[in-house]
Amino acid sequence: MATFTYPTKGTCSKEIKFDLENNIVKNVKFKFGCAGNTQGIAALVEGMDADKVIELLKNIDCNGRGTSCPAQLAEALRQAKQA
């Protein structure tokens, strides 16, 4: 299992930490952001295939920012898979 830390860009959350084990997403934690929403995202993606999470979340926009906490998680997973 590998643990990753991703500094977010353009969102209220500042960082995402998560584990990847055999392409399965585990232990997602957002630093700051809307607590209920980020906890909800983390709970929903727990145990999911990283590729499915990326596909579902990559284009979500928050108030015209061009990104969102879910989209930042998708980007973090994409980068982690390339590491």
C-alpha atoms as a PDB file:
ATOM      1  CA  MET A   1       0.000   0.000   0.000  1.00  0.00           C
ATOM      2  CA  ALA A   2       1.288   3.461  -0.898  1.00  0.00           C
ATOM      3  CA  THR A   3       0.275   6.676   0.864  1.00  0.00           C
ATOM      4  CA  PHE A   4       0.028   9.911  -1.119  1.00  0.00           C
ATOM      5  CA  THR A   5      -0.340  13.575  -0.204  1.00  0.00           C
ATOM      6  CA  TYR A   6      -1.616  16.007  -2.823  1.00  0.00           C
ATOM      7  CA  PRO A   7      -1.662  19.816  -2.397  1.00  0.00           C
ATOM      8  CA  THR A   8      -4.958  20.949  -3.930  1.00  0.00           C
ATOM      9  CA  LYS A   9      -5.321  23.934  -6.259  1.00  0.00           C
ATOM     10  CA  GLY A  10      -8.323  26.264  -6.550  1.00  0.00           C
ATOM     11  CA  THR A  11     -10.408  24.777  -3.746  1.00  0.00           C
ATOM     12  CA  CYS A  12     -11.230  25.457  -0.107  1.00  0.00           C
ATOM     13  CA  SER A  13      -9.476  22.234   0.847  1.00  0.00           C
ATOM     14  CA  LYS A  14      -5.695  22.580   0.949  1.00  0.00           C
ATOM     15  CA  GLU A  15      -4.535  18.978   0.830  1.00  0.00           C
ATOM     16  CA  ILE A  16      -5.720  15.424   0.228  1.00  0.00           C
ATOM     17  CA  LYS A  17      -4.104  12.359   1.767  1.00  0.00           C
ATOM     18  CA  PHE A  18      -5.033   8.874   0.639  1.00  0.00           C
ATOM     19  CA  ASP A  19      -3.776   5.339   0.192  1.00  0.00           C
ATOM     20  CA  LEU A  20      -3.754   3.265  -2.973  1.00  0.00           C
ATOM     21  CA  GLU A  21      -3.571  -0.501  -2.711  1.00  0.00           C
ATOM     22  CA  ASN A  22      -3.831  -2.510  -5.928  1.00  0.00           C
ATOM     23  CA  ASN A  23      -5.598   0.487  -7.544  1.00  0.00           C
ATOM     24  CA  ILE A  24      -8.166   0.602  -4.706  1.00  0.00           C
ATOM     25  CA  VAL A  25      -8.742   3.946  -2.960  1.00  0.00           C
ATOM     26  CA  LYS A  26      -8.511   3.917   0.837  1.00  0.00           C
ATOM     27  CA  ASN A  27      -8.316   6.313   3.792  1.00  0.00           C
ATOM     28  CA  VAL A  28      -9.109   9.571   1.961  1.00  0.00           C
ATOM     29  CA  LYS A  29      -8.708  12.628   4.184  1.00  0.00           C
ATOM     30  CA  PHE A  30      -9.164  16.250   3.100  1.00  0.00           C
ATOM     31  CA  LYS A  31      -7.459  19.073   4.991  1.00  0.00           C
ATOM     32  CA  PHE A  32      -9.968  21.936   5.334  1.00  0.00           C
ATOM     33  CA  GLY A  33     -12.811  22.388   2.848  1.00  0.00           C
ATOM     34  CA  CYS A  34     -16.511  21.862   3.531  1.00  0.00           C
ATOM     35  CA  ALA A  35     -16.302  19.172   6.208  1.00  0.00           C
ATOM     36  CA  GLY A  36     -19.579  17.430   5.411  1.00  0.00           C
ATOM     37  CA  ASN A  37     -18.916  17.349   1.679  1.00  0.00           C
ATOM     38  CA  THR A  38     -15.318  16.184   1.928  1.00  0.00           C
ATOM     39  CA  GLN A  39     -16.216  13.500   4.470  1.00  0.00           C
ATOM     40  CA  GLY A  40     -19.024  12.392   2.166  1.00  0.00           C
ATOM     41  CA  ILE A  41     -16.693  12.166  -0.834  1.00  0.00           C
ATOM     42  CA  ALA A  42     -14.175  10.193   1.235  1.00  0.00           C
ATOM     43  CA  ALA A  43     -16.840   7.743   2.421  1.00  0.00           C
ATOM     44  CA  LEU A  44     -18.276   7.238  -1.061  1.00  0.00           C
ATOM     45  CA  VAL A  45     -14.938   6.474  -2.750  1.00  0.00           C
ATOM     46  CA  GLU A  46     -13.619   4.173   0.002  1.00  0.00           C
ATOM     47  CA  GLY A  47     -12.849   0.792  -1.543  1.00  0.00           C
ATOM     48  CA  MET A  48     -13.518   1.943  -5.119  1.00  0.00           C
ATOM     49  CA  ASP A  49     -11.280   1.351  -8.110  1.00  0.00           C
ATOM     50  CA  ALA A  50      -9.163   4.480  -8.680  1.00  0.00           C
ATOM     51  CA  ASP A  51      -9.942   4.567 -12.411  1.00  0.00           C
ATOM     52  CA  LYS A  52     -13.687   4.618 -11.701  1.00  0.00           C
ATOM     53  CA  VAL A  53     -13.250   7.447  -9.158  1.00  0.00           C
ATOM     54  CA  ILE A  54     -11.210   9.458 -11.658  1.00  0.00           C
ATOM     55  CA  GLU A  55     -13.830   9.004 -14.380  1.00  0.00           C
ATOM     56  CA  LEU A  56     -16.724   9.981 -12.081  1.00  0.00           C
ATOM     57  CA  LEU A  57     -15.123  13.028 -10.448  1.00  0.00           C
ATOM     58  CA  LYS A  58     -12.694  14.574 -12.954  1.00  0.00           C
ATOM     59  CA  ASN A  59     -15.000  17.226 -14.447  1.00  0.00           C
ATOM     60  CA  ILE A  60     -16.928  18.414 -11.394  1.00  0.00           C
ATOM     61  CA  ASP A  61     -16.842  22.209 -11.050  1.00  0.00           C
ATOM     62  CA  CYS A  62     -17.473  24.276  -7.911  1.00  0.00           C
ATOM     63  CA  ASN A  63     -19.001  27.694  -8.548  1.00  0.00           C
ATOM     64  CA  GLY A  64     -17.136  28.346 -11.806  1.00  0.00           C
ATOM     65  CA  ARG A  65     -13.687  27.700 -10.344  1.00  0.00           C
ATOM     66  CA  GLY A  66     -12.831  25.194 -13.045  1.00  0.00           C
ATOM     67  CA  THR A  67     -12.256  22.551 -10.381  1.00  0.00           C
ATOM     68  CA  SER A  68     -13.666  21.228  -7.112  1.00  0.00           C
ATOM     69  CA  CYS A  69     -12.655  19.041  -4.191  1.00  0.00           C
ATOM     70  CA  PRO A  70     -13.911  15.933  -6.047  1.00  0.00           C
ATOM     71  CA  ALA A  71     -12.060  16.979  -9.229  1.00  0.00           C
ATOM     72  CA  GLN A  72      -8.897  17.570  -7.203  1.00  0.00           C
ATOM     73  CA  LEU A  73      -9.205  14.058  -5.772  1.00  0.00           C
ATOM     74  CA  ALA A  74      -9.482  12.726  -9.331  1.00  0.00           C
ATOM     75  CA  GLU A  75      -6.337  14.634 -10.307  1.00  0.00           C
ATOM     76  CA  ALA A  76      -4.511  13.431  -7.191  1.00  0.00           C
ATOM     77  CA  LEU A  77      -5.370   9.827  -8.039  1.00  0.00           C
ATOM     78  CA  ARG A  78      -4.323  10.303 -11.665  1.00  0.00           C
ATOM     79  CA  GLN A  79      -0.939  11.641 -10.575  1.00  0.00           C
ATOM     80  CA  ALA A  80      -0.494   8.937  -7.934  1.00  0.00           C
ATOM     81  CA  LYS A  81      -1.101   6.228 -10.545  1.00  0.00           C
ATOM     82  CA  GLN A  82       1.695   7.724 -12.665  1.00  0.00           C
ATOM     83  CA  ALA A  83       4.161   7.862  -9.766  1.00  0.00           C
END
